[in-house]
Amino acid sequence: LGGFPCQAFSIIGKKEGFANETCGTLFFDIERILKEKMPPAFMLENVRNLTAHDKGNTFKVIREHLEALGYHVYAKVLNALDFGVPQKRERIIIVGFLDDVKFTFPDPVPVEERKTLTDILETDVDSKYYVRDAIRISRIERLKDKNYPKPYISHENMAGSITPHPYSSALRAGASANYILINDERRPTEREMLRIQGFPDTYKIVLPYGKVKHQCGNSVAVPVIKAVAKQ
């Protein structure tokens, strides 16, 4: 099981062999481990954009290298929203088998079984999570739909528009502190961020807020991985 950064993919090598094609990327290490250990199956996760990067060449090279090791490869973009958590998080899942397994990706969870914001939000929240009045007023002034029903989570896009949704946008490790706000009033708590990613409440919080935020942004949505693993 693994995830690997794709930022390093820029120009795919012009048939100059593996060293150039994936220069500076951790995909090289994943391939090296697979080649050494030859597990019967693997599952990899990456950002949705991997399929579009460099007009599809990046993903084509990755698939070719996995198939060259003898794996039957399947890939699909799955959205965490479809698997029971209130977060729009689209990620590509790549699975491979040494045997010729007829694999199919899991079906979405029935709508009535999906958790809503009401299900995951805490009710008694410490005042330290609430933003300053100036931030709150600024957000509400830029809110695209001022009558949007609560609870909602809004995020600020590159243009400065504030868009509310009945779910969270994808949690991001490097985003600003106020990237997403609940009802444009407060930041999500540590437990809420973990719930947005589908972690059980038995999961212990042992780090300060900033570190939990960073880890949640870098994490996978647990129910998605669980559903694929079950398949």
C-alpha atoms as a PDB file:
ATOM      1  CA  LEU A   1       0.000   0.000   0.000  1.00  0.00           C
ATOM      2  CA  GLY A   2       1.373   3.420  -0.812  1.00  0.00           C
ATOM      3  CA  GLY A   3       0.889   6.991  -1.903  1.00  0.00           C
ATOM      4  CA  PHE A   4       3.522   8.909  -3.822  1.00  0.00           C
ATOM      5  CA  PRO A   5       3.936  12.607  -4.649  1.00  0.00           C
ATOM      6  CA  CYS A   6       3.390  13.527  -8.290  1.00  0.00           C
ATOM      7  CA  GLN A   7       4.707  17.107  -8.132  1.00  0.00           C
ATOM      8  CA  ALA A   8       8.080  15.967  -9.437  1.00  0.00           C
ATOM      9  CA  PHE A   9       6.681  14.743 -12.762  1.00  0.00           C
ATOM     10  CA  SER A  10       7.378  17.480 -15.294  1.00  0.00           C
ATOM     11  CA  ILE A  11       8.662  16.359 -18.678  1.00  0.00           C
ATOM     12  CA  ILE A  12       8.462  12.647 -19.286  1.00  0.00           C
ATOM     13  CA  GLY A  13      11.705  11.299 -20.760  1.00  0.00           C
ATOM     14  CA  LYS A  14      11.918  10.837 -24.505  1.00  0.00           C
ATOM     15  CA  LYS A  15      12.387   7.057 -24.497  1.00  0.00           C
ATOM     16  CA  GLU A  16      15.573   7.517 -22.516  1.00  0.00           C
ATOM     17  CA  GLY A  17      14.765   4.772 -20.073  1.00  0.00           C
ATOM     18  CA  PHE A  18      13.366   4.578 -16.597  1.00  0.00           C
ATOM     19  CA  ALA A  19      15.888   6.867 -14.867  1.00  0.00           C
ATOM     20  CA  ASN A  20      14.775   9.865 -16.887  1.00  0.00           C
ATOM     21  CA  GLU A  21      11.084   9.098 -17.108  1.00  0.00           C
ATOM     22  CA  THR A  22      10.511   9.258 -13.373  1.00  0.00           C
ATOM     23  CA  CYS A  23      13.502  11.321 -12.308  1.00  0.00           C
ATOM     24  CA  GLY A  24      13.138  12.687  -8.805  1.00  0.00           C
ATOM     25  CA  THR A  25       9.915  10.911  -7.924  1.00  0.00           C
ATOM     26  CA  LEU A  26       9.061   8.387  -5.239  1.00  0.00           C
ATOM     27  CA  PHE A  27       7.277   6.263  -7.823  1.00  0.00           C
ATOM     28  CA  PHE A  28      10.775   4.935  -8.581  1.00  0.00           C
ATOM     29  CA  ASP A  29      10.958   3.608  -5.011  1.00  0.00           C
ATOM     30  CA  ILE A  30       7.526   2.011  -5.216  1.00  0.00           C
ATOM     31  CA  GLU A  31       8.572   0.238  -8.429  1.00  0.00           C
ATOM     32  CA  ARG A  32      11.836  -0.845  -6.796  1.00  0.00           C
ATOM     33  CA  ILE A  33       9.984  -2.353  -3.803  1.00  0.00           C
ATOM     34  CA  LEU A  34       7.476  -4.133  -6.073  1.00  0.00           C
ATOM     35  CA  LYS A  35      10.318  -5.530  -8.204  1.00  0.00           C
ATOM     36  CA  GLU A  36      12.209  -6.760  -5.122  1.00  0.00           C
ATOM     37  CA  LYS A  37       9.286  -8.209  -3.162  1.00  0.00           C
ATOM     38  CA  MET A  38       6.753  -9.042  -5.917  1.00  0.00           C
ATOM     39  CA  PRO A  39       3.688  -8.972  -3.620  1.00  0.00           C
ATOM     40  CA  PRO A  40       0.613 -10.743  -5.057  1.00  0.00           C
ATOM     41  CA  ALA A  41      -1.262  -7.423  -5.033  1.00  0.00           C
ATOM     42  CA  PHE A  42      -0.771  -3.710  -4.408  1.00  0.00           C
ATOM     43  CA  MET A  43      -2.875  -0.559  -3.961  1.00  0.00           C
ATOM     44  CA  LEU A  44      -1.575   2.964  -4.682  1.00  0.00           C
ATOM     45  CA  GLU A  45      -3.243   6.363  -4.211  1.00  0.00           C
ATOM     46  CA  ASN A  46      -2.618   9.705  -5.856  1.00  0.00           C
ATOM     47  CA  VAL A  47      -4.291  12.985  -6.787  1.00  0.00           C
ATOM     48  CA  ARG A  48      -6.951  12.975  -9.471  1.00  0.00           C
ATOM     49  CA  ASN A  49      -4.786  15.140 -11.718  1.00  0.00           C
ATOM     50  CA  LEU A  50      -2.274  12.313 -12.165  1.00  0.00           C
ATOM     51  CA  THR A  51      -4.364  11.042 -15.096  1.00  0.00           C
ATOM     52  CA  ALA A  52      -4.262  14.437 -16.830  1.00  0.00           C
ATOM     53  CA  HIS A  53      -0.679  15.410 -16.007  1.00  0.00           C
ATOM     54  CA  ASP A  54       1.500  16.022 -19.068  1.00  0.00           C
ATOM     55  CA  LYS A  55      -1.445  15.172 -21.357  1.00  0.00           C
ATOM     56  CA  GLY A  56      -1.743  11.705 -19.837  1.00  0.00           C
ATOM     57  CA  ASN A  57       1.883  10.683 -20.440  1.00  0.00           C
ATOM     58  CA  THR A  58       2.795  10.540 -16.753  1.00  0.00           C
ATOM     59  CA  PHE A  59       0.071   8.043 -15.951  1.00  0.00           C
ATOM     60  CA  LYS A  60       0.786   6.082 -19.142  1.00  0.00           C
ATOM     61  CA  VAL A  61       4.420   5.628 -18.064  1.00  0.00           C
ATOM     62  CA  ILE A  62       3.392   4.574 -14.541  1.00  0.00           C
ATOM     63  CA  ARG A  63       0.950   1.988 -15.903  1.00  0.00           C
ATOM     64  CA  GLU A  64       3.541   0.677 -18.384  1.00  0.00           C
ATOM     65  CA  HIS A  65       6.136   0.252 -15.638  1.00  0.00           C
ATOM     66  CA  LEU A  66       3.692  -1.595 -13.382  1.00  0.00           C
ATOM     67  CA  GLU A  67       2.598  -3.855 -16.229  1.00  0.00           C
ATOM     68  CA  ALA A  68       6.238  -4.511 -17.178  1.00  0.00           C
ATOM     69  CA  LEU A  69       6.690  -6.067 -13.725  1.00  0.00           C
ATOM     70  CA  GLY A  70       3.939  -8.544 -14.615  1.00  0.00           C
ATOM     71  CA  TYR A  71       0.964  -6.932 -12.891  1.00  0.00           C
ATOM     72  CA  HIS A  72      -2.598  -6.684 -14.180  1.00  0.00           C
ATOM     73  CA  VAL A  73      -3.398  -3.043 -13.454  1.00  0.00           C
ATOM     74  CA  TYR A  74      -6.733  -1.337 -12.721  1.00  0.00           C
ATOM     75  CA  ALA A  75      -7.247   2.350 -11.953  1.00  0.00           C
ATOM     76  CA  LYS A  76     -10.196   4.591 -11.150  1.00  0.00           C
ATOM     77  CA  VAL A  77     -10.866   8.045  -9.679  1.00  0.00           C
ATOM     78  CA  LEU A  78     -13.035   7.677  -6.564  1.00  0.00           C
ATOM     79  CA  ASN A  79     -14.685  10.450  -4.544  1.00  0.00           C
ATOM     80  CA  ALA A  80     -14.813  10.216  -0.737  1.00  0.00           C
ATOM     81  CA  LEU A  81     -18.310  11.780  -0.878  1.00  0.00           C
ATOM     82  CA  ASP A  82     -19.569   8.569  -2.492  1.00  0.00           C
ATOM     83  CA  PHE A  83     -18.223   6.431   0.347  1.00  0.00           C
ATOM     84  CA  GLY A  84     -19.972   7.927   3.340  1.00  0.00           C
ATOM     85  CA  VAL A  85     -17.943  10.938   4.482  1.00  0.00           C
ATOM     86  CA  PRO A  86     -18.919  14.601   3.974  1.00  0.00           C
ATOM     87  CA  GLN A  87     -15.810  15.549   1.992  1.00  0.00           C
ATOM     88  CA  LYS A  88     -15.356  16.062  -1.741  1.00  0.00           C
ATOM     89  CA  ARG A  89     -11.996  14.368  -2.204  1.00  0.00           C
ATOM     90  CA  GLU A  90     -11.286  12.828  -5.593  1.00  0.00           C
ATOM     91  CA  ARG A  91      -8.293  10.517  -5.737  1.00  0.00           C
ATOM     92  CA  ILE A  92      -7.047   7.971  -8.218  1.00  0.00           C
ATOM     93  CA  ILE A  93      -6.685   4.454  -6.835  1.00  0.00           C
ATOM     94  CA  ILE A  94      -4.365   2.094  -8.730  1.00  0.00           C
ATOM     95  CA  VAL A  95      -4.478  -1.619  -7.938  1.00  0.00           C
ATOM     96  CA  GLY A  96      -2.497  -4.462  -9.459  1.00  0.00           C
ATOM     97  CA  PHE A  97      -2.443  -8.261  -9.248  1.00  0.00           C
ATOM     98  CA  LEU A  98       0.122 -10.825 -10.338  1.00  0.00           C
ATOM     99  CA  ASP A  99      -2.730 -13.251 -11.039  1.00  0.00           C
ATOM    100  CA  ASP A 100      -5.220 -12.339 -13.756  1.00  0.00           C
ATOM    101  CA  VAL A 101      -7.867 -11.216 -11.268  1.00  0.00           C
ATOM    102  CA  LYS A 102     -11.109  -9.809 -12.701  1.00  0.00           C
ATOM    103  CA  PHE A 103     -11.198  -6.853 -10.339  1.00  0.00           C
ATOM    104  CA  THR A 104     -14.022  -4.328 -10.102  1.00  0.00           C
ATOM    105  CA  PHE A 105     -13.947  -1.158  -8.009  1.00  0.00           C
ATOM    106  CA  PRO A 106     -16.525  -0.876  -5.181  1.00  0.00           C
ATOM    107  CA  ASP A 107     -19.942   0.667  -5.726  1.00  0.00           C
ATOM    108  CA  PRO A 108     -20.791   3.921  -3.923  1.00  0.00           C
ATOM    109  CA  VAL A 109     -22.448   3.686  -0.507  1.00  0.00           C
ATOM    110  CA  PRO A 110     -26.263   4.197  -0.629  1.00  0.00           C
ATOM    111  CA  VAL A 111     -27.130   7.868  -0.022  1.00  0.00           C
ATOM    112  CA  GLU A 112     -29.119   7.106   3.137  1.00  0.00           C
ATOM    113  CA  GLU A 113     -26.027   5.460   4.710  1.00  0.00           C
ATOM    114  CA  ARG A 114     -23.701   8.421   4.125  1.00  0.00           C
ATOM    115  CA  LYS A 115     -22.723  10.679   7.018  1.00  0.00           C
ATOM    116  CA  THR A 116     -23.767  14.321   6.840  1.00  0.00           C
ATOM    117  CA  LEU A 117     -22.172  17.369   8.448  1.00  0.00           C
ATOM    118  CA  THR A 118     -24.764  17.157  11.234  1.00  0.00           C
ATOM    119  CA  ASP A 119     -23.509  13.640  11.990  1.00  0.00           C
ATOM    120  CA  ILE A 120     -19.863  14.647  12.315  1.00  0.00           C
ATOM    121  CA  LEU A 121     -19.931  18.153  13.810  1.00  0.00           C
ATOM    122  CA  GLU A 122     -19.316  18.579  17.532  1.00  0.00           C
ATOM    123  CA  THR A 123     -21.915  20.542  19.513  1.00  0.00           C
ATOM    124  CA  ASP A 124     -19.926  21.969  22.431  1.00  0.00           C
ATOM    125  CA  VAL A 125     -16.947  23.651  20.766  1.00  0.00           C
ATOM    126  CA  ASP A 126     -14.293  25.695  22.575  1.00  0.00           C
ATOM    127  CA  SER A 127     -14.149  29.412  21.760  1.00  0.00           C
ATOM    128  CA  LYS A 128     -10.536  29.064  20.537  1.00  0.00           C
ATOM    129  CA  TYR A 129     -11.832  27.567  17.268  1.00  0.00           C
ATOM    130  CA  TYR A 130     -13.945  30.635  16.449  1.00  0.00           C
ATOM    131  CA  VAL A 131     -12.474  33.222  14.085  1.00  0.00           C
ATOM    132  CA  ARG A 132     -12.186  36.943  14.810  1.00  0.00           C
ATOM    133  CA  ASP A 133     -15.235  39.098  13.973  1.00  0.00           C
ATOM    134  CA  ALA A 134     -13.364  40.816  11.131  1.00  0.00           C
ATOM    135  CA  ILE A 135     -12.700  37.470   9.419  1.00  0.00           C
ATOM    136  CA  ARG A 136     -16.276  36.292   9.952  1.00  0.00           C
ATOM    137  CA  ILE A 137     -17.785  39.514   8.553  1.00  0.00           C
ATOM    138  CA  SER A 138     -15.404  39.497   5.574  1.00  0.00           C
ATOM    139  CA  ARG A 139     -16.344  35.894   4.773  1.00  0.00           C
ATOM    140  CA  ILE A 140     -20.083  36.501   5.035  1.00  0.00           C
ATOM    141  CA  GLU A 141     -19.858  39.599   2.818  1.00  0.00           C
ATOM    142  CA  ARG A 142     -18.230  37.465   0.084  1.00  0.00           C
ATOM    143  CA  LEU A 143     -20.503  34.454   0.588  1.00  0.00           C
ATOM    144  CA  LYS A 144     -22.047  33.441  -2.731  1.00  0.00           C
ATOM    145  CA  ASP A 145     -25.373  32.402  -1.165  1.00  0.00           C
ATOM    146  CA  LYS A 146     -26.064  34.322   2.029  1.00  0.00           C
ATOM    147  CA  ASN A 147     -29.211  32.273   2.737  1.00  0.00           C
ATOM    148  CA  TYR A 148     -27.475  28.900   2.474  1.00  0.00           C
ATOM    149  CA  PRO A 149     -28.867  26.520   5.117  1.00  0.00           C
ATOM    150  CA  LYS A 150     -26.675  25.620   8.081  1.00  0.00           C
ATOM    151  CA  PRO A 151     -24.661  23.608   8.787  1.00  0.00           C
ATOM    152  CA  TYR A 152     -22.373  24.209   5.860  1.00  0.00           C
ATOM    153  CA  ILE A 153     -18.643  24.347   5.246  1.00  0.00           C
ATOM    154  CA  SER A 154     -17.300  27.107   3.058  1.00  0.00           C
ATOM    155  CA  HIS A 155     -13.933  27.516   1.430  1.00  0.00           C
ATOM    156  CA  GLU A 156     -12.218  30.464  -0.176  1.00  0.00           C
ATOM    157  CA  ASN A 157     -11.176  29.990  -3.807  1.00  0.00           C
ATOM    158  CA  MET A 158      -8.270  31.674  -5.599  1.00  0.00           C
ATOM    159  CA  ALA A 159     -10.495  34.590  -6.658  1.00  0.00           C
ATOM    160  CA  GLY A 160     -11.598  35.211  -3.059  1.00  0.00           C
ATOM    161  CA  SER A 161     -15.161  33.923  -3.485  1.00  0.00           C
ATOM    162  CA  ILE A 162     -16.610  32.068  -0.504  1.00  0.00           C
ATOM    163  CA  THR A 163     -18.625  29.035  -1.571  1.00  0.00           C
ATOM    164  CA  PRO A 164     -20.794  27.082   0.901  1.00  0.00           C
ATOM    165  CA  HIS A 165     -21.499  23.340   0.565  1.00  0.00           C
ATOM    166  CA  PRO A 166     -23.209  20.693   2.703  1.00  0.00           C
ATOM    167  CA  TYR A 167     -19.796  18.948   2.807  1.00  0.00           C
ATOM    168  CA  SER A 168     -16.141  19.874   3.160  1.00  0.00           C
ATOM    169  CA  SER A 169     -13.840  20.549   0.234  1.00  0.00           C
ATOM    170  CA  ALA A 170     -10.747  18.321   0.244  1.00  0.00           C
ATOM    171  CA  LEU A 171      -8.681  18.792   3.391  1.00  0.00           C
ATOM    172  CA  ARG A 172      -5.226  20.119   2.455  1.00  0.00           C
ATOM    173  CA  ALA A 173      -2.019  19.860   4.457  1.00  0.00           C
ATOM    174  CA  GLY A 174      -0.587  23.206   3.373  1.00  0.00           C
ATOM    175  CA  ALA A 175      -3.757  25.301   3.276  1.00  0.00           C
ATOM    176  CA  SER A 176      -4.171  28.460   5.356  1.00  0.00           C
ATOM    177  CA  ALA A 177      -5.735  28.224   8.816  1.00  0.00           C
ATOM    178  CA  ASN A 178      -9.063  29.620   7.564  1.00  0.00           C
ATOM    179  CA  TYR A 179      -9.154  27.661   4.295  1.00  0.00           C
ATOM    180  CA  ILE A 180     -12.351  25.943   5.375  1.00  0.00           C
ATOM    181  CA  LEU A 181     -14.772  27.315   7.963  1.00  0.00           C
ATOM    182  CA  ILE A 182     -17.920  25.842   9.462  1.00  0.00           C
ATOM    183  CA  ASN A 183     -20.840  28.261   8.925  1.00  0.00           C
ATOM    184  CA  ASP A 184     -18.143  30.928   8.337  1.00  0.00           C
ATOM    185  CA  GLU A 185     -17.800  31.100  12.111  1.00  0.00           C
ATOM    186  CA  ARG A 186     -15.119  28.652  13.177  1.00  0.00           C
ATOM    187  CA  ARG A 187     -12.405  26.243  12.150  1.00  0.00           C
ATOM    188  CA  PRO A 188     -13.089  22.502  12.342  1.00  0.00           C
ATOM    189  CA  THR A 189     -11.856  20.810  15.524  1.00  0.00           C
ATOM    190  CA  GLU A 190      -9.230  18.065  15.447  1.00  0.00           C
ATOM    191  CA  ARG A 191     -11.926  15.415  15.924  1.00  0.00           C
ATOM    192  CA  GLU A 192     -14.080  16.894  13.144  1.00  0.00           C
ATOM    193  CA  MET A 193     -11.153  16.838  10.696  1.00  0.00           C
ATOM    194  CA  LEU A 194     -10.520  13.203  11.538  1.00  0.00           C
ATOM    195  CA  ARG A 195     -14.227  12.409  11.072  1.00  0.00           C
ATOM    196  CA  ILE A 196     -14.200  14.230   7.700  1.00  0.00           C
ATOM    197  CA  GLN A 197     -11.504  11.731   6.654  1.00  0.00           C
ATOM    198  CA  GLY A 198     -13.509   8.819   8.086  1.00  0.00           C
ATOM    199  CA  PHE A 199     -11.350   8.018  11.114  1.00  0.00           C
ATOM    200  CA  PRO A 200     -13.182   6.324  13.997  1.00  0.00           C
ATOM    201  CA  ASP A 201     -13.630   8.259  17.250  1.00  0.00           C
ATOM    202  CA  THR A 202     -11.359   5.702  18.964  1.00  0.00           C
ATOM    203  CA  TYR A 203      -8.443   7.283  17.060  1.00  0.00           C
ATOM    204  CA  LYS A 204      -6.358   9.171  19.620  1.00  0.00           C
ATOM    205  CA  ILE A 205      -5.455  12.855  19.206  1.00  0.00           C
ATOM    206  CA  VAL A 206      -1.926  13.257  20.601  1.00  0.00           C
ATOM    207  CA  LEU A 207      -0.591  16.235  18.634  1.00  0.00           C
ATOM    208  CA  PRO A 208      -1.280  19.996  18.523  1.00  0.00           C
ATOM    209  CA  TYR A 209      -3.866  21.444  16.136  1.00  0.00           C
ATOM    210  CA  GLY A 210      -1.452  22.423  13.352  1.00  0.00           C
ATOM    211  CA  LYS A 211       0.066  18.944  13.178  1.00  0.00           C
ATOM    212  CA  VAL A 212      -3.346  17.220  13.178  1.00  0.00           C
ATOM    213  CA  LYS A 213      -4.476  19.560  10.365  1.00  0.00           C
ATOM    214  CA  HIS A 214      -1.326  18.733   8.392  1.00  0.00           C
ATOM    215  CA  GLN A 215      -1.751  14.972   8.913  1.00  0.00           C
ATOM    216  CA  CYS A 216      -5.452  15.021   8.010  1.00  0.00           C
ATOM    217  CA  GLY A 217      -4.646  16.937   4.817  1.00  0.00           C
ATOM    218  CA  ASN A 218      -2.030  14.361   3.840  1.00  0.00           C
ATOM    219  CA  SER A 219      -4.180  11.374   4.811  1.00  0.00           C
ATOM    220  CA  VAL A 220      -6.441   9.200   2.714  1.00  0.00           C
ATOM    221  CA  ALA A 221     -10.200   8.991   3.257  1.00  0.00           C
ATOM    222  CA  VAL A 222     -10.389   5.788   5.290  1.00  0.00           C
ATOM    223  CA  PRO A 223     -13.754   4.446   3.964  1.00  0.00           C
ATOM    224  CA  VAL A 224     -12.543   4.685   0.343  1.00  0.00           C
ATOM    225  CA  ILE A 225      -9.404   2.655   1.030  1.00  0.00           C
ATOM    226  CA  LYS A 226     -11.396   0.207   3.175  1.00  0.00           C
ATOM    227  CA  ALA A 227     -13.965  -0.340   0.395  1.00  0.00           C
ATOM    228  CA  VAL A 228     -11.280  -0.945  -2.243  1.00  0.00           C
ATOM    229  CA  ALA A 229      -9.329  -3.233   0.129  1.00  0.00           C
ATOM    230  CA  LYS A 230     -12.476  -5.277   0.769  1.00  0.00           C
ATOM    231  CA  GLN A 231     -12.870  -5.790  -2.990  1.00  0.00           C
END
